[in-house]
Amino acid sequence: MKQGIHPNYREVCFVDLSNGFKFVTRSTVQTKETTKMDDGRELPLVKLETTSETHPFYTGTQKSVDNLGGRVEKFRNKFAHLKK
């Protein structure tokens, strides 16, 4: 690889702002904040609004539009007689 043209690839701590869940992975993202980990390391910090710990798709709390009884249900009722 050419020297001096690639971004710094290092360990970074990501934190979910809604529940405080933290995970460490490698990234090239540039941050101004750092955080002190339990093991004493100081890592760059990236704050996220949602992660797999809080996103409805991953937590199983996602609601299907078909089950809400809205427009889809009205459409199905209107054209139910055409269904074979």
N, C-alpha and C. Protein backbone atom coordinates (compact mmCIF):
# COMPACT_ATOMS: atom_id res chain seq x y z
N MET A 1 0.83 -1.18 0.00
CA MET A 1 0.00 0.00 0.00
C MET A 1 0.88 1.25 0.00
N LYS A 2 0.37 2.30 -0.62
CA LYS A 2 1.09 3.58 -0.60
C LYS A 2 0.98 4.18 0.79
N GLN A 3 2.04 4.77 1.24
CA GLN A 3 2.07 5.41 2.55
C GLN A 3 1.45 6.80 2.48
N GLY A 4 0.70 7.15 3.51
CA GLY A 4 0.19 8.51 3.65
C GLY A 4 -1.11 8.83 2.93
N ILE A 5 -1.72 7.87 2.22
CA ILE A 5 -2.96 8.18 1.50
C ILE A 5 -4.17 7.50 2.12
N HIS A 6 -3.96 6.57 3.03
CA HIS A 6 -5.07 5.82 3.62
C HIS A 6 -5.44 6.41 4.98
N PRO A 7 -6.76 6.39 5.30
CA PRO A 7 -7.17 6.90 6.61
C PRO A 7 -6.71 5.95 7.72
N ASN A 8 -6.65 6.47 8.93
CA ASN A 8 -6.21 5.71 10.09
C ASN A 8 -7.28 4.69 10.47
N TYR A 9 -6.97 3.40 10.35
CA TYR A 9 -7.89 2.31 10.66
C TYR A 9 -7.56 1.81 12.07
N ARG A 10 -8.47 2.06 13.02
CA ARG A 10 -8.19 1.76 14.42
C ARG A 10 -9.46 1.34 15.13
N GLU A 11 -9.32 0.90 16.38
CA GLU A 11 -10.48 0.53 17.18
C GLU A 11 -11.23 1.79 17.60
N VAL A 12 -12.57 1.71 17.52
CA VAL A 12 -13.43 2.83 17.86
C VAL A 12 -14.58 2.29 18.71
N CYS A 13 -15.00 3.06 19.72
CA CYS A 13 -16.14 2.69 20.56
C CYS A 13 -17.39 3.39 20.03
N PHE A 14 -18.43 2.62 19.76
CA PHE A 14 -19.73 3.16 19.36
C PHE A 14 -20.67 3.01 20.54
N VAL A 15 -21.45 4.04 20.85
CA VAL A 15 -22.39 3.99 21.97
C VAL A 15 -23.79 4.37 21.48
N ASP A 16 -24.78 3.58 21.92
CA ASP A 16 -26.18 3.83 21.61
C ASP A 16 -26.71 4.84 22.63
N LEU A 17 -27.17 6.00 22.18
CA LEU A 17 -27.60 7.05 23.09
C LEU A 17 -28.90 6.71 23.82
N SER A 18 -29.72 5.81 23.27
CA SER A 18 -31.00 5.52 23.91
C SER A 18 -30.89 4.58 25.09
N ASN A 19 -29.87 3.70 25.11
CA ASN A 19 -29.75 2.79 26.25
C ASN A 19 -28.33 2.64 26.78
N GLY A 20 -27.36 3.30 26.19
CA GLY A 20 -25.99 3.24 26.68
C GLY A 20 -25.20 2.03 26.25
N PHE A 21 -25.74 1.20 25.37
CA PHE A 21 -25.05 0.01 24.87
C PHE A 21 -23.79 0.43 24.12
N LYS A 22 -22.65 -0.18 24.46
CA LYS A 22 -21.38 0.14 23.82
C LYS A 22 -20.84 -1.10 23.11
N PHE A 23 -20.19 -0.86 21.98
CA PHE A 23 -19.45 -1.93 21.32
C PHE A 23 -18.22 -1.34 20.64
N VAL A 24 -17.20 -2.15 20.53
CA VAL A 24 -15.93 -1.72 19.95
C VAL A 24 -15.71 -2.47 18.66
N THR A 25 -15.36 -1.74 17.63
CA THR A 25 -15.03 -2.32 16.33
C THR A 25 -13.97 -1.44 15.69
N ARG A 26 -13.44 -1.89 14.59
CA ARG A 26 -12.42 -1.11 13.89
C ARG A 26 -13.10 -0.24 12.84
N SER A 27 -12.61 0.99 12.70
CA SER A 27 -13.22 1.94 11.77
C SER A 27 -12.22 3.03 11.40
N THR A 28 -12.54 3.75 10.34
CA THR A 28 -11.72 4.90 9.93
C THR A 28 -12.42 6.21 10.24
N VAL A 29 -13.58 6.16 10.91
CA VAL A 29 -14.34 7.37 11.20
C VAL A 29 -13.51 8.32 12.06
N GLN A 30 -13.63 9.63 11.75
CA GLN A 30 -12.91 10.66 12.48
C GLN A 30 -13.82 11.22 13.57
N THR A 31 -13.34 11.27 14.80
CA THR A 31 -14.13 11.79 15.91
C THR A 31 -13.31 12.78 16.72
N LYS A 32 -14.02 13.63 17.46
CA LYS A 32 -13.36 14.59 18.34
C LYS A 32 -13.42 14.13 19.80
N GLU A 33 -14.34 13.20 20.10
CA GLU A 33 -14.52 12.74 21.47
C GLU A 33 -13.83 11.41 21.69
N THR A 34 -13.45 11.16 22.93
CA THR A 34 -12.89 9.87 23.31
C THR A 34 -13.60 9.38 24.56
N THR A 35 -13.46 8.09 24.84
CA THR A 35 -14.05 7.50 26.03
C THR A 35 -13.05 6.53 26.66
N LYS A 36 -13.14 6.38 27.95
CA LYS A 36 -12.28 5.48 28.69
C LYS A 36 -13.03 4.15 28.86
N MET A 37 -12.45 3.08 28.39
CA MET A 37 -13.07 1.76 28.49
C MET A 37 -12.78 1.15 29.86
N ASP A 38 -13.50 0.07 30.19
CA ASP A 38 -13.33 -0.61 31.47
C ASP A 38 -11.93 -1.17 31.66
N ASP A 39 -11.31 -1.56 30.55
CA ASP A 39 -9.97 -2.15 30.64
C ASP A 39 -8.85 -1.10 30.62
N GLY A 40 -9.22 0.18 30.65
CA GLY A 40 -8.23 1.24 30.73
C GLY A 40 -7.86 1.89 29.41
N ARG A 41 -8.29 1.31 28.29
CA ARG A 41 -7.98 1.90 26.99
C ARG A 41 -8.80 3.17 26.77
N GLU A 42 -8.23 4.13 26.08
CA GLU A 42 -8.96 5.33 25.68
C GLU A 42 -9.17 5.25 24.18
N LEU A 43 -10.43 5.19 23.77
CA LEU A 43 -10.78 5.00 22.37
C LEU A 43 -11.59 6.17 21.85
N PRO A 44 -11.52 6.43 20.54
CA PRO A 44 -12.40 7.43 19.93
C PRO A 44 -13.86 7.01 20.13
N LEU A 45 -14.75 7.97 20.31
CA LEU A 45 -16.15 7.71 20.61
C LEU A 45 -17.05 8.20 19.49
N VAL A 46 -17.98 7.34 19.05
CA VAL A 46 -19.00 7.70 18.07
C VAL A 46 -20.35 7.46 18.72
N LYS A 47 -21.22 8.48 18.74
CA LYS A 47 -22.54 8.36 19.34
C LYS A 47 -23.56 8.05 18.25
N LEU A 48 -24.41 7.04 18.50
CA LEU A 48 -25.42 6.61 17.54
C LEU A 48 -26.81 6.77 18.15
N GLU A 49 -27.79 7.09 17.33
CA GLU A 49 -29.17 7.21 17.80
C GLU A 49 -29.79 5.84 18.04
N THR A 50 -29.46 4.86 17.20
CA THR A 50 -30.02 3.52 17.36
C THR A 50 -29.02 2.48 16.88
N THR A 51 -29.06 1.33 17.50
CA THR A 51 -28.21 0.20 17.11
C THR A 51 -29.09 -1.04 17.06
N SER A 52 -28.49 -2.18 16.86
CA SER A 52 -29.26 -3.42 16.83
C SER A 52 -29.88 -3.73 18.19
N GLU A 53 -29.40 -3.12 19.25
CA GLU A 53 -29.96 -3.33 20.59
C GLU A 53 -31.29 -2.61 20.77
N THR A 54 -31.54 -1.54 20.00
CA THR A 54 -32.76 -0.76 20.20
C THR A 54 -33.63 -0.65 18.96
N HIS A 55 -33.16 -1.06 17.80
CA HIS A 55 -33.96 -0.94 16.58
C HIS A 55 -35.10 -1.96 16.61
N PRO A 56 -36.33 -1.53 16.29
CA PRO A 56 -37.48 -2.44 16.37
C PRO A 56 -37.34 -3.71 15.51
N PHE A 57 -36.67 -3.63 14.39
CA PHE A 57 -36.50 -4.82 13.55
C PHE A 57 -35.72 -5.90 14.28
N TYR A 58 -34.66 -5.52 14.98
CA TYR A 58 -33.80 -6.48 15.67
C TYR A 58 -34.34 -6.89 17.03
N THR A 59 -35.14 -6.05 17.67
CA THR A 59 -35.67 -6.38 18.99
C THR A 59 -36.97 -7.16 18.92
N GLY A 60 -37.57 -7.26 17.74
CA GLY A 60 -38.82 -8.02 17.59
C GLY A 60 -40.06 -7.22 17.91
N THR A 61 -39.95 -5.92 18.07
CA THR A 61 -41.11 -5.10 18.40
C THR A 61 -41.65 -4.36 17.18
N GLN A 62 -41.17 -4.72 16.00
CA GLN A 62 -41.63 -4.05 14.78
C GLN A 62 -43.07 -4.45 14.48
N LYS A 63 -43.88 -3.49 14.09
CA LYS A 63 -45.28 -3.75 13.77
C LYS A 63 -45.43 -3.80 12.26
N SER A 64 -46.22 -4.71 11.80
CA SER A 64 -46.49 -4.84 10.38
C SER A 64 -47.64 -3.92 9.99
N VAL A 65 -47.53 -3.27 8.86
CA VAL A 65 -48.58 -2.37 8.38
C VAL A 65 -49.85 -3.16 8.10
N ASP A 66 -49.73 -4.41 7.70
CA ASP A 66 -50.89 -5.23 7.38
C ASP A 66 -51.77 -5.48 8.60
N ASN A 67 -51.20 -5.49 9.79
CA ASN A 67 -51.95 -5.82 11.00
C ASN A 67 -52.51 -4.59 11.72
N LEU A 68 -52.26 -3.41 11.23
CA LEU A 68 -52.69 -2.21 11.92
C LEU A 68 -54.12 -1.78 11.59
N GLY A 69 -54.74 -2.39 10.58
CA GLY A 69 -56.12 -2.07 10.26
C GLY A 69 -56.29 -0.72 9.58
N GLY A 70 -55.30 -0.26 8.90
CA GLY A 70 -55.36 1.04 8.24
C GLY A 70 -55.79 0.91 6.80
N ARG A 71 -55.08 1.58 5.93
CA ARG A 71 -55.42 1.61 4.51
C ARG A 71 -55.38 0.23 3.86
N VAL A 72 -54.43 -0.57 4.26
CA VAL A 72 -54.31 -1.90 3.66
C VAL A 72 -55.56 -2.73 3.97
N GLU A 73 -56.01 -2.67 5.21
CA GLU A 73 -57.20 -3.43 5.61
C GLU A 73 -58.44 -2.93 4.88
N LYS A 74 -58.58 -1.63 4.71
CA LYS A 74 -59.71 -1.06 3.97
C LYS A 74 -59.69 -1.54 2.52
N PHE A 75 -58.50 -1.55 1.92
CA PHE A 75 -58.36 -2.01 0.55
C PHE A 75 -58.77 -3.49 0.42
N ARG A 76 -58.31 -4.29 1.33
CA ARG A 76 -58.64 -5.73 1.30
C ARG A 76 -60.14 -5.95 1.47
N ASN A 77 -60.76 -5.20 2.35
CA ASN A 77 -62.22 -5.34 2.56
C ASN A 77 -62.98 -4.91 1.30
N LYS A 78 -62.53 -3.85 0.68
CA LYS A 78 -63.22 -3.31 -0.50
C LYS A 78 -63.19 -4.28 -1.67
N PHE A 79 -62.04 -4.98 -1.84
CA PHE A 79 -61.89 -5.86 -2.98
C PHE A 79 -61.88 -7.34 -2.61
N ALA A 80 -62.41 -7.68 -1.46
CA ALA A 80 -62.45 -9.08 -1.01
C ALA A 80 -63.31 -9.94 -1.92
N HIS A 81 -64.36 -9.38 -2.49
CA HIS A 81 -65.25 -10.16 -3.34
C HIS A 81 -64.57 -10.57 -4.66
N LEU A 82 -63.49 -9.91 -5.06
CA LEU A 82 -62.79 -10.25 -6.30
C LEU A 82 -61.76 -11.36 -6.10
N LYS A 83 -61.46 -11.65 -4.86
CA LYS A 83 -60.45 -12.66 -4.56
C LYS A 83 -61.00 -14.05 -4.88
N LYS A 84 -60.21 -14.85 -5.57
CA LYS A 84 -60.68 -16.19 -5.96
C LYS A 84 -60.09 -17.24 -5.10
